[in-house]
Amino acid sequence: MYIYPDNLKAKATLWLWELRDIGIIGIGCLISVFILTQLGFLLPIVLTALYAFLSIRFEDTSILEFIRCAFLFFIGHQQLYKWRA
Protein backbone atom coordinates (compact mmCIF):
# COMPACT_ATOMS: atom_id res chain seq x y z
CA MET A 1 0.00 0.00 0.00
CA TYR A 2 1.45 3.35 -1.06
CA ILE A 3 0.40 6.65 0.47
CA TYR A 4 1.12 9.72 -1.62
CA PRO A 5 0.98 13.33 -0.46
CA ASP A 6 -1.74 15.56 -1.89
CA ASN A 7 0.70 17.61 -3.92
CA LEU A 8 3.52 15.60 -5.49
CA LYS A 9 5.36 18.75 -6.57
CA ALA A 10 5.50 20.24 -3.06
CA LYS A 11 8.90 20.84 -1.50
CA ALA A 12 10.09 18.37 1.12
CA THR A 13 9.53 19.67 4.64
CA LEU A 14 10.47 18.54 8.11
CA TRP A 15 8.51 20.04 11.01
CA LEU A 16 8.21 23.75 10.18
CA TRP A 17 11.15 24.09 7.78
CA GLU A 18 12.09 22.97 4.29
CA LEU A 19 14.89 20.42 4.16
CA ARG A 20 17.24 23.00 2.63
CA ASP A 21 16.64 25.27 5.64
CA ILE A 22 17.24 22.38 8.05
CA GLY A 23 20.63 21.79 6.40
CA ILE A 24 21.58 25.46 6.58
CA ILE A 25 20.49 25.67 10.22
CA GLY A 26 22.42 22.50 11.12
CA ILE A 27 25.65 23.66 9.45
CA GLY A 28 25.18 27.12 10.97
CA CYS A 29 24.78 25.58 14.43
CA LEU A 30 27.96 23.51 14.04
CA ILE A 31 30.00 26.50 12.89
CA SER A 32 28.43 28.75 15.56
CA VAL A 33 29.19 26.33 18.39
CA PHE A 34 32.77 25.94 17.16
CA ILE A 35 33.25 29.72 17.03
CA LEU A 36 31.61 30.11 20.45
CA THR A 37 33.86 27.52 22.09
CA GLN A 38 37.10 28.63 20.42
CA LEU A 39 36.68 32.41 20.31
CA GLY A 40 33.88 33.13 22.76
CA PHE A 41 32.06 35.09 20.03
CA LEU A 42 28.26 34.94 20.36
CA LEU A 43 27.10 36.69 17.16
CA PRO A 44 27.10 33.63 14.80
CA ILE A 45 24.80 31.63 17.06
CA VAL A 46 22.43 34.59 17.32
CA LEU A 47 22.38 34.94 13.52
CA THR A 48 21.72 31.20 13.13
CA ALA A 49 18.82 31.39 15.59
CA LEU A 50 17.45 34.44 13.77
CA TYR A 51 17.62 32.59 10.43
CA ALA A 52 15.91 29.57 12.00
CA PHE A 53 13.09 31.78 13.26
CA LEU A 54 12.66 33.71 10.00
CA SER A 55 12.63 30.55 7.85
CA ILE A 56 9.71 28.90 9.70
CA ARG A 57 6.99 28.12 7.17
CA PHE A 58 3.24 28.28 7.73
CA GLU A 59 1.04 27.26 4.79
CA ASP A 60 3.83 27.63 2.21
CA THR A 61 4.89 31.12 3.38
CA SER A 62 7.89 31.81 5.59
CA ILE A 63 7.95 34.51 8.22
CA LEU A 64 10.60 36.41 6.24
CA GLU A 65 8.45 36.37 3.08
CA PHE A 66 5.46 37.62 5.09
CA ILE A 67 7.51 40.49 6.59
CA ARG A 68 8.86 41.37 3.14
CA CYS A 69 5.37 41.44 1.58
CA ALA A 70 3.99 43.49 4.48
CA PHE A 71 6.84 46.01 4.11
CA LEU A 72 6.25 46.33 0.38
CA PHE A 73 2.50 46.74 0.89
CA PHE A 74 2.68 49.36 3.63
CA ILE A 75 5.93 51.22 2.84
CA GLY A 76 7.72 50.00 -0.27
CA HIS A 77 5.25 50.54 -3.10
CA GLN A 78 2.85 53.36 -3.75
CA GLN A 79 -0.77 52.31 -3.44
CA LEU A 80 -3.03 53.47 -6.25
CA TYR A 81 -6.69 54.10 -5.47
CA LYS A 82 -9.23 55.06 -8.12
CA TRP A 83 -12.50 56.61 -7.06
CA ARG A 84 -15.39 56.30 -9.43
CA ALA A 85 -18.51 58.39 -9.31
PDB file of N, CA and C in Angstrom:
ATOM      1  N   MET A   1       0.841  -1.178   0.000  1.00  0.00           N
ATOM      2  CA  MET A   1       0.000   0.000   0.000  1.00  0.00           C
ATOM      3  C   MET A   1       0.886   1.241   0.000  1.00  0.00           C
ATOM      4  N   TYR A   2       0.680   2.123  -0.936  1.00  0.00           N
ATOM      5  CA  TYR A   2       1.448   3.350  -1.065  1.00  0.00           C
ATOM      6  C   TYR A   2       0.570   4.531  -0.687  1.00  0.00           C
ATOM      7  N   ILE A   3       1.116   5.445   0.093  1.00  0.00           N
ATOM      8  CA  ILE A   3       0.401   6.652   0.470  1.00  0.00           C
ATOM      9  C   ILE A   3       1.157   7.833  -0.112  1.00  0.00           C
ATOM     10  N   TYR A   4       0.496   8.586  -0.975  1.00  0.00           N
ATOM     11  CA  TYR A   4       1.119   9.724  -1.621  1.00  0.00           C
ATOM     12  C   TYR A   4       0.607  11.013  -0.998  1.00  0.00           C
ATOM     13  N   PRO A   5       1.467  12.044  -0.952  1.00  0.00           N
ATOM     14  CA  PRO A   5       0.978  13.334  -0.459  1.00  0.00           C
ATOM     15  C   PRO A   5       0.004  13.945  -1.463  1.00  0.00           C
ATOM     16  N   ASP A   6      -0.755  14.913  -1.018  1.00  0.00           N
ATOM     17  CA  ASP A   6      -1.742  15.556  -1.889  1.00  0.00           C
ATOM     18  C   ASP A   6      -1.100  16.249  -3.079  1.00  0.00           C
ATOM     19  N   ASN A   7       0.039  16.861  -2.868  1.00  0.00           N
ATOM     20  CA  ASN A   7       0.702  17.609  -3.920  1.00  0.00           C
ATOM     21  C   ASN A   7       2.077  16.991  -4.143  1.00  0.00           C
ATOM     22  N   LEU A   8       2.250  16.282  -5.234  1.00  0.00           N
ATOM     23  CA  LEU A   8       3.518  15.597  -5.491  1.00  0.00           C
ATOM     24  C   LEU A   8       4.644  16.542  -5.861  1.00  0.00           C
ATOM     25  N   LYS A   9       4.326  17.786  -6.210  1.00  0.00           N
ATOM     26  CA  LYS A   9       5.362  18.749  -6.565  1.00  0.00           C
ATOM     27  C   LYS A   9       5.733  19.653  -5.403  1.00  0.00           C
ATOM     28  N   ALA A  10       5.190  19.419  -4.229  1.00  0.00           N
ATOM     29  CA  ALA A  10       5.500  20.241  -3.057  1.00  0.00           C
ATOM     30  C   ALA A  10       6.932  19.975  -2.600  1.00  0.00           C
ATOM     31  N   LYS A  11       7.538  20.983  -1.998  1.00  0.00           N
ATOM     32  CA  LYS A  11       8.896  20.838  -1.498  1.00  0.00           C
ATOM     33  C   LYS A  11       8.900  19.977  -0.241  1.00  0.00           C
ATOM     34  N   ALA A  12       9.979  19.234  -0.049  1.00  0.00           N
ATOM     35  CA  ALA A  12      10.092  18.372   1.121  1.00  0.00           C
ATOM     36  C   ALA A  12      10.259  19.225   2.378  1.00  0.00           C
ATOM     37  N   THR A  13       9.462  18.919   3.393  1.00  0.00           N
ATOM     38  CA  THR A  13       9.529  19.674   4.635  1.00  0.00           C
ATOM     39  C   THR A  13       9.723  18.732   5.814  1.00  0.00           C
ATOM     40  N   LEU A  14      10.288  19.262   6.872  1.00  0.00           N
ATOM     41  CA  LEU A  14      10.467  18.541   8.112  1.00  0.00           C
ATOM     42  C   LEU A  14      10.112  19.499   9.231  1.00  0.00           C
ATOM     43  N   TRP A  15       9.090  19.175   9.985  1.00  0.00           N
ATOM     44  CA  TRP A  15       8.515  20.036  11.009  1.00  0.00           C
ATOM     45  C   TRP A  15       8.048  21.345  10.383  1.00  0.00           C
ATOM     46  N   LEU A  16       8.664  22.453  10.699  1.00  0.00           N
ATOM     47  CA  LEU A  16       8.207  23.746  10.183  1.00  0.00           C
ATOM     48  C   LEU A  16       9.144  24.335   9.134  1.00  0.00           C
ATOM     49  N   TRP A  17      10.159  23.585   8.708  1.00  0.00           N
ATOM     50  CA  TRP A  17      11.148  24.093   7.776  1.00  0.00           C
ATOM     51  C   TRP A  17      11.236  23.196   6.551  1.00  0.00           C
ATOM     52  N   GLU A  18      11.731  23.779   5.444  1.00  0.00           N
ATOM     53  CA  GLU A  18      12.093  22.971   4.286  1.00  0.00           C
ATOM     54  C   GLU A  18      13.403  22.265   4.591  1.00  0.00           C
ATOM     55  N   LEU A  19      13.674  21.191   3.881  1.00  0.00           N
ATOM     56  CA  LEU A  19      14.892  20.425   4.159  1.00  0.00           C
ATOM     57  C   LEU A  19      16.154  21.248   3.884  1.00  0.00           C
ATOM     58  N   ARG A  20      16.097  22.131   2.904  1.00  0.00           N
ATOM     59  CA  ARG A  20      17.242  23.003   2.632  1.00  0.00           C
ATOM     60  C   ARG A  20      17.523  23.886   3.844  1.00  0.00           C
ATOM     61  N   ASP A  21      16.472  24.422   4.454  1.00  0.00           N
ATOM     62  CA  ASP A  21      16.643  25.267   5.636  1.00  0.00           C
ATOM     63  C   ASP A  21      17.175  24.470   6.821  1.00  0.00           C
ATOM     64  N   ILE A  22      16.727  23.228   6.970  1.00  0.00           N
ATOM     65  CA  ILE A  22      17.237  22.378   8.053  1.00  0.00           C
ATOM     66  C   ILE A  22      18.744  22.164   7.882  1.00  0.00           C
ATOM     67  N   GLY A  23      19.194  21.950   6.654  1.00  0.00           N
ATOM     68  CA  GLY A  23      20.629  21.786   6.400  1.00  0.00           C
ATOM     69  C   GLY A  23      21.413  23.042   6.715  1.00  0.00           C
ATOM     70  N   ILE A  24      20.900  24.188   6.304  1.00  0.00           N
ATOM     71  CA  ILE A  24      21.576  25.463   6.578  1.00  0.00           C
ATOM     72  C   ILE A  24      21.636  25.721   8.072  1.00  0.00           C
ATOM     73  N   ILE A  25      20.532  25.457   8.769  1.00  0.00           N
ATOM     74  CA  ILE A  25      20.493  25.672  10.219  1.00  0.00           C
ATOM     75  C   ILE A  25      21.454  24.724  10.930  1.00  0.00           C
ATOM     76  N   GLY A  26      21.505  23.469  10.503  1.00  0.00           N
ATOM     77  CA  GLY A  26      22.418  22.502  11.116  1.00  0.00           C
ATOM     78  C   GLY A  26      23.879  22.883  10.931  1.00  0.00           C
ATOM     79  N   ILE A  27      24.265  23.248   9.715  1.00  0.00           N
ATOM     80  CA  ILE A  27      25.652  23.657   9.451  1.00  0.00           C
ATOM     81  C   ILE A  27      25.965  24.948  10.198  1.00  0.00           C
ATOM     82  N   GLY A  28      24.991  25.877  10.220  1.00  0.00           N
ATOM     83  CA  GLY A  28      25.183  27.120  10.967  1.00  0.00           C
ATOM     84  C   GLY A  28      25.370  26.867  12.448  1.00  0.00           C
ATOM     85  N   CYS A  29      24.621  25.913  13.007  1.00  0.00           N
ATOM     86  CA  CYS A  29      24.782  25.576  14.435  1.00  0.00           C
ATOM     87  C   CYS A  29      26.158  24.991  14.711  1.00  0.00           C
ATOM     88  N   LEU A  30      26.630  24.098  13.843  1.00  0.00           N
ATOM     89  CA  LEU A  30      27.957  23.513  14.045  1.00  0.00           C
ATOM     90  C   LEU A  30      29.050  24.576  14.008  1.00  0.00           C
ATOM     91  N   ILE A  31      29.001  25.441  13.011  1.00  0.00           N
ATOM     92  CA  ILE A  31      30.000  26.496  12.894  1.00  0.00           C
ATOM     93  C   ILE A  31      29.888  27.475  14.064  1.00  0.00           C
ATOM     94  N   SER A  32      28.643  27.799  14.461  1.00  0.00           N
ATOM     95  CA  SER A  32      28.434  28.749  15.560  1.00  0.00           C
ATOM     96  C   SER A  32      28.953  28.204  16.883  1.00  0.00           C
ATOM     97  N   VAL A  33      28.706  26.930  17.144  1.00  0.00           N
ATOM     98  CA  VAL A  33      29.191  26.331  18.393  1.00  0.00           C
ATOM     99  C   VAL A  33      30.710  26.271  18.389  1.00  0.00           C
ATOM    100  N   PHE A  34      31.312  25.952  17.242  1.00  0.00           N
ATOM    101  CA  PHE A  34      32.773  25.939  17.155  1.00  0.00           C
ATOM    102  C   PHE A  34      33.346  27.323  17.428  1.00  0.00           C
ATOM    103  N   ILE A  35      32.773  28.349  16.819  1.00  0.00           N
ATOM    104  CA  ILE A  35      33.254  29.722  17.034  1.00  0.00           C
ATOM    105  C   ILE A  35      33.036  30.143  18.484  1.00  0.00           C
ATOM    106  N   LEU A  36      31.900  29.750  19.062  1.00  0.00           N
ATOM    107  CA  LEU A  36      31.610  30.107  20.449  1.00  0.00           C
ATOM    108  C   LEU A  36      32.607  29.464  21.410  1.00  0.00           C
ATOM    109  N   THR A  37      32.934  28.191  21.178  1.00  0.00           N
ATOM    110  CA  THR A  37      33.863  27.516  22.095  1.00  0.00           C
ATOM    111  C   THR A  37      35.302  27.976  21.904  1.00  0.00           C
ATOM    112  N   GLN A  38      35.703  28.278  20.684  1.00  0.00           N
ATOM    113  CA  GLN A  38      37.096  28.635  20.421  1.00  0.00           C
ATOM    114  C   GLN A  38      37.382  30.121  20.641  1.00  0.00           C
ATOM    115  N   LEU A  39      36.432  30.965  20.260  1.00  0.00           N
ATOM    116  CA  LEU A  39      36.677  32.412  20.310  1.00  0.00           C
ATOM    117  C   LEU A  39      35.815  33.139  21.339  1.00  0.00           C
ATOM    118  N   GLY A  40      34.771  32.481  21.813  1.00  0.00           N
ATOM    119  CA  GLY A  40      33.880  33.130  22.759  1.00  0.00           C
ATOM    120  C   GLY A  40      33.022  34.208  22.108  1.00  0.00           C
ATOM    121  N   PHE A  41      32.804  34.104  20.815  1.00  0.00           N
ATOM    122  CA  PHE A  41      32.065  35.089  20.035  1.00  0.00           C
ATOM    123  C   PHE A  41      30.629  34.600  19.858  1.00  0.00           C
ATOM    124  N   LEU A  42      29.653  35.373  20.300  1.00  0.00           N
ATOM    125  CA  LEU A  42      28.261  34.937  20.357  1.00  0.00           C
ATOM    126  C   LEU A  42      27.438  35.289  19.119  1.00  0.00           C
ATOM    127  N   LEU A  43      27.892  36.195  18.287  1.00  0.00           N
ATOM    128  CA  LEU A  43      27.098  36.692  17.160  1.00  0.00           C
ATOM    129  C   LEU A  43      26.687  35.596  16.161  1.00  0.00           C
ATOM    130  N   PRO A  44      27.542  34.639  15.774  1.00  0.00           N
ATOM    131  CA  PRO A  44      27.104  33.631  14.798  1.00  0.00           C
ATOM    132  C   PRO A  44      25.938  32.772  15.285  1.00  0.00           C
ATOM    133  N   ILE A  45      25.908  32.440  16.563  1.00  0.00           N
ATOM    134  CA  ILE A  45      24.796  31.626  17.055  1.00  0.00           C
ATOM    135  C   ILE A  45      23.505  32.432  17.108  1.00  0.00           C
ATOM    136  N   VAL A  46      23.610  33.731  17.349  1.00  0.00           N
ATOM    137  CA  VAL A  46      22.431  34.593  17.318  1.00  0.00           C
ATOM    138  C   VAL A  46      21.904  34.708  15.888  1.00  0.00           C
ATOM    139  N   LEU A  47      22.795  34.853  14.919  1.00  0.00           N
ATOM    140  CA  LEU A  47      22.379  34.936  13.517  1.00  0.00           C
ATOM    141  C   LEU A  47      21.757  33.628  13.044  1.00  0.00           C
ATOM    142  N   THR A  48      22.289  32.498  13.493  1.00  0.00           N
ATOM    143  CA  THR A  48      21.721  31.203  13.134  1.00  0.00           C
ATOM    144  C   THR A  48      20.324  31.050  13.726  1.00  0.00           C
ATOM    145  N   ALA A  49      20.142  31.452  14.960  1.00  0.00           N
ATOM    146  CA  ALA A  49      18.819  31.387  15.594  1.00  0.00           C
ATOM    147  C   ALA A  49      17.839  32.329  14.895  1.00  0.00           C
ATOM    148  N   LEU A  50      18.298  33.494  14.490  1.00  0.00           N
ATOM    149  CA  LEU A  50      17.449  34.440  13.773  1.00  0.00           C
ATOM    150  C   LEU A  50      17.029  33.863  12.423  1.00  0.00           C
ATOM    151  N   TYR A  51      17.957  33.231  11.708  1.00  0.00           N
ATOM    152  CA  TYR A  51      17.625  32.592  10.433  1.00  0.00           C
ATOM    153  C   TYR A  51      16.629  31.449  10.650  1.00  0.00           C
ATOM    154  N   ALA A  52      16.840  30.673  11.712  1.00  0.00           N
ATOM    155  CA  ALA A  52      15.913  29.573  12.001  1.00  0.00           C
ATOM    156  C   ALA A  52      14.511  30.101  12.268  1.00  0.00           C
ATOM    157  N   PHE A  53      14.400  31.207  12.979  1.00  0.00           N
ATOM    158  CA  PHE A  53      13.086  31.785  13.257  1.00  0.00           C
ATOM    159  C   PHE A  53      12.442  32.347  11.992  1.00  0.00           C
ATOM    160  N   LEU A  54      13.217  33.071  11.184  1.00  0.00           N
ATOM    161  CA  LEU A  54      12.656  33.707   9.998  1.00  0.00           C
ATOM    162  C   LEU A  54      12.329  32.720   8.883  1.00  0.00           C
ATOM    163  N   SER A  55      12.896  31.518   8.908  1.00  0.00           N
ATOM    164  CA  SER A  55      12.632  30.552   7.853  1.00  0.00           C
ATOM    165  C   SER A  55      11.521  29.569   8.210  1.00  0.00           C
ATOM    166  N   ILE A  56      10.853  29.746   9.343  1.00  0.00           N
ATOM    167  CA  ILE A  56       9.715  28.901   9.696  1.00  0.00           C
ATOM    168  C   ILE A  56       8.623  29.114   8.663  1.00  0.00           C
ATOM    169  N   ARG A  57       8.021  28.032   8.206  1.00  0.00           N
ATOM    170  CA  ARG A  57       6.992  28.117   7.174  1.00  0.00           C
ATOM    171  C   ARG A  57       5.637  27.728   7.734  1.00  0.00           C
ATOM    172  N   PHE A  58       4.639  28.566   7.439  1.00  0.00           N
ATOM    173  CA  PHE A  58       3.242  28.283   7.727  1.00  0.00           C
ATOM    174  C   PHE A  58       2.477  28.383   6.421  1.00  0.00           C
ATOM    175  N   GLU A  59       1.847  27.289   6.011  1.00  0.00           N
ATOM    176  CA  GLU A  59       1.042  27.255   4.787  1.00  0.00           C
ATOM    177  C   GLU A  59       1.799  27.813   3.589  1.00  0.00           C
ATOM    178  N   ASP A  60       2.989  27.322   3.368  1.00  0.00           N
ATOM    179  CA  ASP A  60       3.833  27.631   2.210  1.00  0.00           C
ATOM    180  C   ASP A  60       4.314  29.077   2.171  1.00  0.00           C
ATOM    181  N   THR A  61       4.334  29.776   3.296  1.00  0.00           N
ATOM    182  CA  THR A  61       4.890  31.120   3.378  1.00  0.00           C
ATOM    183  C   THR A  61       5.764  31.208   4.618  1.00  0.00           C
ATOM    184  N   SER A  62       7.002  31.667   4.439  1.00  0.00           N
ATOM    185  CA  SER A  62       7.886  31.806   5.588  1.00  0.00           C
ATOM    186  C   SER A  62       7.641  33.154   6.271  1.00  0.00           C
ATOM    187  N   ILE A  63       8.114  33.271   7.473  1.00  0.00           N
ATOM    188  CA  ILE A  63       7.951  34.513   8.220  1.00  0.00           C
ATOM    189  C   ILE A  63       8.675  35.651   7.515  1.00  0.00           C
ATOM    190  N   LEU A  64       9.858  35.379   6.961  1.00  0.00           N
ATOM    191  CA  LEU A  64      10.605  36.408   6.241  1.00  0.00           C
ATOM    192  C   LEU A  64       9.848  36.885   5.002  1.00  0.00           C
ATOM    193  N   GLU A  65       9.229  35.969   4.254  1.00  0.00           N
ATOM    194  CA  GLU A  65       8.446  36.369   3.082  1.00  0.00           C
ATOM    195  C   GLU A  65       7.240  37.204   3.493  1.00  0.00           C
ATOM    196  N   PHE A  66       6.602  36.849   4.611  1.00  0.00           N
ATOM    197  CA  PHE A  66       5.462  37.620   5.090  1.00  0.00           C
ATOM    198  C   PHE A  66       5.885  39.036   5.484  1.00  0.00           C
ATOM    199  N   ILE A  67       7.013  39.170   6.188  1.00  0.00           N
ATOM    200  CA  ILE A  67       7.510  40.489   6.590  1.00  0.00           C
ATOM    201  C   ILE A  67       7.867  41.306   5.355  1.00  0.00           C
ATOM    202  N   ARG A  68       8.493  40.671   4.370  1.00  0.00           N
ATOM    203  CA  ARG A  68       8.864  41.368   3.138  1.00  0.00           C
ATOM    204  C   ARG A  68       7.623  41.870   2.386  1.00  0.00           C
ATOM    205  N   CYS A  69       6.598  41.020   2.260  1.00  0.00           N
ATOM    206  CA  CYS A  69       5.366  41.440   1.579  1.00  0.00           C
ATOM    207  C   CYS A  69       4.649  42.541   2.349  1.00  0.00           C
ATOM    208  N   ALA A  70       4.631  42.451   3.668  1.00  0.00           N
ATOM    209  CA  ALA A  70       3.990  43.492   4.476  1.00  0.00           C
ATOM    210  C   ALA A  70       4.728  44.817   4.325  1.00  0.00           C
ATOM    211  N   PHE A  71       6.061  44.787   4.301  1.00  0.00           N
ATOM    212  CA  PHE A  71       6.840  46.007   4.109  1.00  0.00           C
ATOM    213  C   PHE A  71       6.541  46.625   2.748  1.00  0.00           C
ATOM    214  N   LEU A  72       6.521  45.799   1.715  1.00  0.00           N
ATOM    215  CA  LEU A  72       6.248  46.327   0.382  1.00  0.00           C
ATOM    216  C   LEU A  72       4.833  46.882   0.278  1.00  0.00           C
ATOM    217  N   PHE A  73       3.880  46.255   0.960  1.00  0.00           N
ATOM    218  CA  PHE A  73       2.503  46.743   0.892  1.00  0.00           C
ATOM    219  C   PHE A  73       2.344  48.061   1.626  1.00  0.00           C
ATOM    220  N   PHE A  74       2.892  48.166   2.823  1.00  0.00           N
ATOM    221  CA  PHE A  74       2.677  49.356   3.632  1.00  0.00           C
ATOM    222  C   PHE A  74       3.658  50.495   3.334  1.00  0.00           C
ATOM    223  N   ILE A  75       4.908  50.182   2.976  1.00  0.00           N
ATOM    224  CA  ILE A  75       5.929  51.221   2.845  1.00  0.00           C
ATOM    225  C   ILE A  75       6.568  51.240   1.462  1.00  0.00           C
ATOM    226  N   GLY A  76       6.891  50.089   0.918  1.00  0.00           N
ATOM    227  CA  GLY A  76       7.721  50.004  -0.272  1.00  0.00           C
ATOM    228  C   GLY A  76       7.110  50.498  -1.561  1.00  0.00           C
ATOM    229  N   HIS A  77       5.874  50.171  -1.837  1.00  0.00           N
ATOM    230  CA  HIS A  77       5.253  50.542  -3.103  1.00  0.00           C
ATOM    231  C   HIS A  77       4.114  51.517  -2.866  1.00  0.00           C
ATOM    232  N   GLN A  78       3.936  52.403  -3.835  1.00  0.00           N
ATOM    233  CA  GLN A  78       2.848  53.356  -3.751  1.00  0.00           C
ATOM    234  C   GLN A  78       1.535  52.638  -4.054  1.00  0.00           C
ATOM    235  N   GLN A  79       0.546  52.879  -3.221  1.00  0.00           N
ATOM    236  CA  GLN A  79      -0.774  52.311  -3.440  1.00  0.00           C
ATOM    237  C   GLN A  79      -1.549  53.238  -4.362  1.00  0.00           C
ATOM    238  N   LEU A  80      -2.268  52.680  -5.279  1.00  0.00           N
ATOM    239  CA  LEU A  80      -3.030  53.470  -6.249  1.00  0.00           C
ATOM    240  C   LEU A  80      -4.514  53.190  -6.035  1.00  0.00           C
ATOM    241  N   TYR A  81      -5.249  54.222  -5.698  1.00  0.00           N
ATOM    242  CA  TYR A  81      -6.687  54.101  -5.468  1.00  0.00           C
ATOM    243  C   TYR A  81      -7.424  54.926  -6.510  1.00  0.00           C
ATOM    244  N   LYS A  82      -8.430  54.332  -7.130  1.00  0.00           N
ATOM    245  CA  LYS A  82      -9.231  55.058  -8.122  1.00  0.00           C
ATOM    246  C   LYS A  82     -10.652  55.140  -7.596  1.00  0.00           C
ATOM    247  N   TRP A  83     -11.143  56.365  -7.512  1.00  0.00           N
ATOM    248  CA  TRP A  83     -12.505  56.607  -7.058  1.00  0.00           C
ATOM    249  C   TRP A  83     -13.379  56.821  -8.293  1.00  0.00           C
ATOM    250  N   ARG A  84     -14.471  56.151  -8.316  1.00  0.00           N
ATOM    251  CA  ARG A  84     -15.388  56.296  -9.430  1.00  0.00           C
ATOM    252  C   ARG A  84     -16.710  56.855  -8.932  1.00  0.00           C
ATOM    253  N   ALA A  85     -17.251  57.754  -9.707  1.00  0.00           N
ATOM    254  CA  ALA A  85     -18.512  58.387  -9.311  1.00  0.00           C
ATOM    255  C   ALA A  85     -19.702  57.706  -9.916  1.00  0.00           C
TER     256      ALA A  85
END
